[in-house]
């Protein structure tokens, strides 16, 4: 799971760097799309964490 999160962060950093150097005027659209992708990634991580916690709590010692 951490590998996916790291990959998302790497991709977001690369996209942010590309946008800093891009002067074509699509900044607002790109920010909105990036924000939506971040929200989706956070939702996916939240679901995975909830499932992992649920599974961990179901283990009897």
N, C-alpha and C. Protein backbone atom coordinates (compact mmCIF):
# COMPACT_ATOMS: atom_id res chain seq x y z
N UNK A 1 0.83 -1.18 0.00
CA UNK A 1 0.00 0.00 0.00
C UNK A 1 0.88 1.25 0.00
N UNK A 2 1.95 1.23 0.76
CA UNK A 2 2.83 2.40 0.79
C UNK A 2 3.49 2.63 -0.56
N UNK A 3 3.71 1.56 -1.29
CA UNK A 3 4.31 1.69 -2.61
C UNK A 3 3.39 2.50 -3.53
N UNK A 4 2.09 2.23 -3.47
CA UNK A 4 1.15 2.97 -4.30
C UNK A 4 1.10 4.45 -3.90
N UNK A 5 1.13 4.70 -2.61
CA UNK A 5 1.10 6.08 -2.13
C UNK A 5 2.35 6.82 -2.56
N UNK A 6 3.49 6.15 -2.45
CA UNK A 6 4.74 6.77 -2.89
C UNK A 6 4.70 7.06 -4.38
N UNK A 7 4.16 6.12 -5.16
CA UNK A 7 4.07 6.31 -6.61
C UNK A 7 3.18 7.51 -6.94
N UNK A 8 2.06 7.63 -6.23
CA UNK A 8 1.16 8.76 -6.46
C UNK A 8 1.87 10.07 -6.12
N UNK A 9 2.60 10.09 -5.02
CA UNK A 9 3.32 11.30 -4.64
C UNK A 9 4.39 11.67 -5.66
N UNK A 10 5.08 10.68 -6.17
CA UNK A 10 6.11 10.92 -7.19
C UNK A 10 5.46 11.50 -8.43
N UNK A 11 4.34 10.91 -8.85
CA UNK A 11 3.66 11.41 -10.03
C UNK A 11 3.14 12.84 -9.83
N UNK A 12 2.61 13.12 -8.64
CA UNK A 12 2.12 14.46 -8.36
C UNK A 12 3.25 15.48 -8.34
N UNK A 13 4.38 15.10 -7.77
CA UNK A 13 5.53 16.01 -7.77
C UNK A 13 6.03 16.28 -9.18
N UNK A 14 6.07 15.24 -9.99
CA UNK A 14 6.51 15.41 -11.38
C UNK A 14 5.53 16.31 -12.14
N UNK A 15 4.25 16.10 -11.91
CA UNK A 15 3.24 16.93 -12.56
C UNK A 15 3.34 18.38 -12.10
N UNK A 16 3.56 18.60 -10.81
CA UNK A 16 3.71 19.96 -10.29
C UNK A 16 4.94 20.65 -10.89
N UNK A 17 6.03 19.92 -11.01
CA UNK A 17 7.24 20.48 -11.63
C UNK A 17 6.99 20.82 -13.09
N UNK A 18 6.29 19.95 -13.78
CA UNK A 18 5.99 20.22 -15.18
C UNK A 18 5.11 21.47 -15.32
N UNK A 19 4.16 21.61 -14.40
CA UNK A 19 3.26 22.76 -14.46
C UNK A 19 3.98 24.06 -14.13
N UNK A 20 4.96 24.00 -13.25
CA UNK A 20 5.73 25.22 -12.94
C UNK A 20 6.44 25.75 -14.17
N UNK A 21 6.87 24.84 -15.02
CA UNK A 21 7.61 25.24 -16.21
C UNK A 21 6.70 25.44 -17.43
N UNK A 22 5.43 25.20 -17.28
CA UNK A 22 4.48 25.31 -18.39
C UNK A 22 3.81 26.68 -18.35
N UNK A 23 3.86 27.39 -19.43
CA UNK A 23 3.27 28.71 -19.48
C UNK A 23 2.18 28.80 -20.54
N UNK A 24 1.46 27.76 -20.77
CA UNK A 24 0.43 27.76 -21.80
C UNK A 24 -0.92 28.25 -21.30
N UNK A 25 -1.12 28.44 -20.01
CA UNK A 25 -2.36 28.99 -19.50
C UNK A 25 -3.39 27.98 -19.04
N UNK A 26 -3.02 26.73 -18.90
CA UNK A 26 -3.96 25.70 -18.47
C UNK A 26 -3.85 25.43 -16.97
N UNK A 27 -3.30 26.35 -16.25
CA UNK A 27 -3.00 26.12 -14.84
C UNK A 27 -4.27 25.81 -14.03
N UNK A 28 -5.33 26.58 -14.24
CA UNK A 28 -6.54 26.39 -13.44
C UNK A 28 -7.15 25.01 -13.70
N UNK A 29 -7.25 24.63 -14.95
CA UNK A 29 -7.80 23.31 -15.28
C UNK A 29 -6.95 22.20 -14.69
N UNK A 30 -5.66 22.35 -14.80
CA UNK A 30 -4.76 21.32 -14.31
C UNK A 30 -4.83 21.22 -12.79
N UNK A 31 -4.95 22.34 -12.12
CA UNK A 31 -5.05 22.32 -10.67
C UNK A 31 -6.32 21.59 -10.24
N UNK A 32 -7.41 21.85 -10.94
CA UNK A 32 -8.68 21.19 -10.60
C UNK A 32 -8.56 19.69 -10.83
N UNK A 33 -8.01 19.30 -11.96
CA UNK A 33 -7.87 17.87 -12.26
C UNK A 33 -6.94 17.20 -11.26
N UNK A 34 -5.84 17.86 -10.95
CA UNK A 34 -4.90 17.30 -9.97
C UNK A 34 -5.55 17.17 -8.60
N UNK A 35 -6.31 18.18 -8.21
CA UNK A 35 -7.00 18.12 -6.92
C UNK A 35 -7.99 16.95 -6.88
N UNK A 36 -8.69 16.73 -7.98
CA UNK A 36 -9.62 15.61 -8.04
C UNK A 36 -8.88 14.27 -7.95
N UNK A 37 -7.76 14.18 -8.62
CA UNK A 37 -6.96 12.94 -8.55
C UNK A 37 -6.43 12.70 -7.14
N UNK A 38 -6.01 13.76 -6.48
CA UNK A 38 -5.54 13.63 -5.10
C UNK A 38 -6.69 13.17 -4.21
N UNK A 39 -7.87 13.75 -4.40
CA UNK A 39 -9.03 13.35 -3.59
C UNK A 39 -9.36 11.89 -3.82
N UNK A 40 -9.32 11.44 -5.06
CA UNK A 40 -9.58 10.03 -5.36
C UNK A 40 -8.52 9.13 -4.72
N UNK A 41 -7.27 9.55 -4.78
CA UNK A 41 -6.19 8.76 -4.18
C UNK A 41 -6.38 8.66 -2.66
N UNK A 42 -6.72 9.77 -2.04
CA UNK A 42 -6.95 9.75 -0.59
C UNK A 42 -8.14 8.87 -0.22
N UNK A 43 -9.18 8.90 -1.04
CA UNK A 43 -10.33 8.04 -0.79
C UNK A 43 -9.94 6.57 -0.91
N UNK A 44 -9.14 6.26 -1.92
CA UNK A 44 -8.70 4.88 -2.10
C UNK A 44 -7.84 4.41 -0.92
N UNK A 45 -6.96 5.28 -0.46
CA UNK A 45 -6.12 4.94 0.69
C UNK A 45 -6.98 4.76 1.93
N UNK A 46 -7.98 5.62 2.10
CA UNK A 46 -8.87 5.50 3.27
C UNK A 46 -9.61 4.17 3.26
N UNK A 47 -10.07 3.75 2.09
CA UNK A 47 -10.77 2.46 1.98
C UNK A 47 -9.81 1.32 2.32
N UNK A 48 -8.61 1.38 1.78
CA UNK A 48 -7.64 0.31 2.05
C UNK A 48 -7.27 0.26 3.54
N UNK A 49 -7.08 1.41 4.15
CA UNK A 49 -6.74 1.44 5.58
C UNK A 49 -7.90 0.90 6.41
N UNK A 50 -9.12 1.27 6.06
CA UNK A 50 -10.28 0.78 6.80
C UNK A 50 -10.38 -0.74 6.69
N UNK A 51 -10.14 -1.28 5.50
CA UNK A 51 -10.19 -2.73 5.33
C UNK A 51 -9.06 -3.41 6.10
N UNK A 52 -7.88 -2.81 6.11
CA UNK A 52 -6.76 -3.40 6.84
C UNK A 52 -7.03 -3.39 8.34
N UNK A 53 -7.58 -2.29 8.85
CA UNK A 53 -7.90 -2.20 10.27
C UNK A 53 -8.99 -3.20 10.63
N UNK A 54 -9.98 -3.32 9.77
CA UNK A 54 -11.06 -4.28 10.02
C UNK A 54 -10.52 -5.70 10.06
N UNK A 55 -9.65 -6.02 9.13
CA UNK A 55 -9.05 -7.36 9.11
C UNK A 55 -8.18 -7.59 10.35
N UNK A 56 -7.40 -6.58 10.73
CA UNK A 56 -6.54 -6.71 11.91
C UNK A 56 -7.37 -6.90 13.17
N UNK A 57 -8.48 -6.20 13.26
CA UNK A 57 -9.33 -6.33 14.44
C UNK A 57 -10.05 -7.68 14.50
N UNK A 58 -10.21 -8.33 13.36
CA UNK A 58 -10.90 -9.61 13.34
C UNK A 58 -9.99 -10.78 13.72
N UNK A 59 -8.71 -10.53 13.81
CA UNK A 59 -7.75 -11.59 14.17
C UNK A 59 -7.82 -11.83 15.67
N UNK A 60 -8.03 -13.07 16.05
CA UNK A 60 -8.06 -13.39 17.48
C UNK A 60 -6.69 -13.91 17.90
N UNK A 61 -6.31 -13.50 19.09
CA UNK A 61 -4.99 -13.90 19.58
C UNK A 61 -5.10 -15.03 20.52
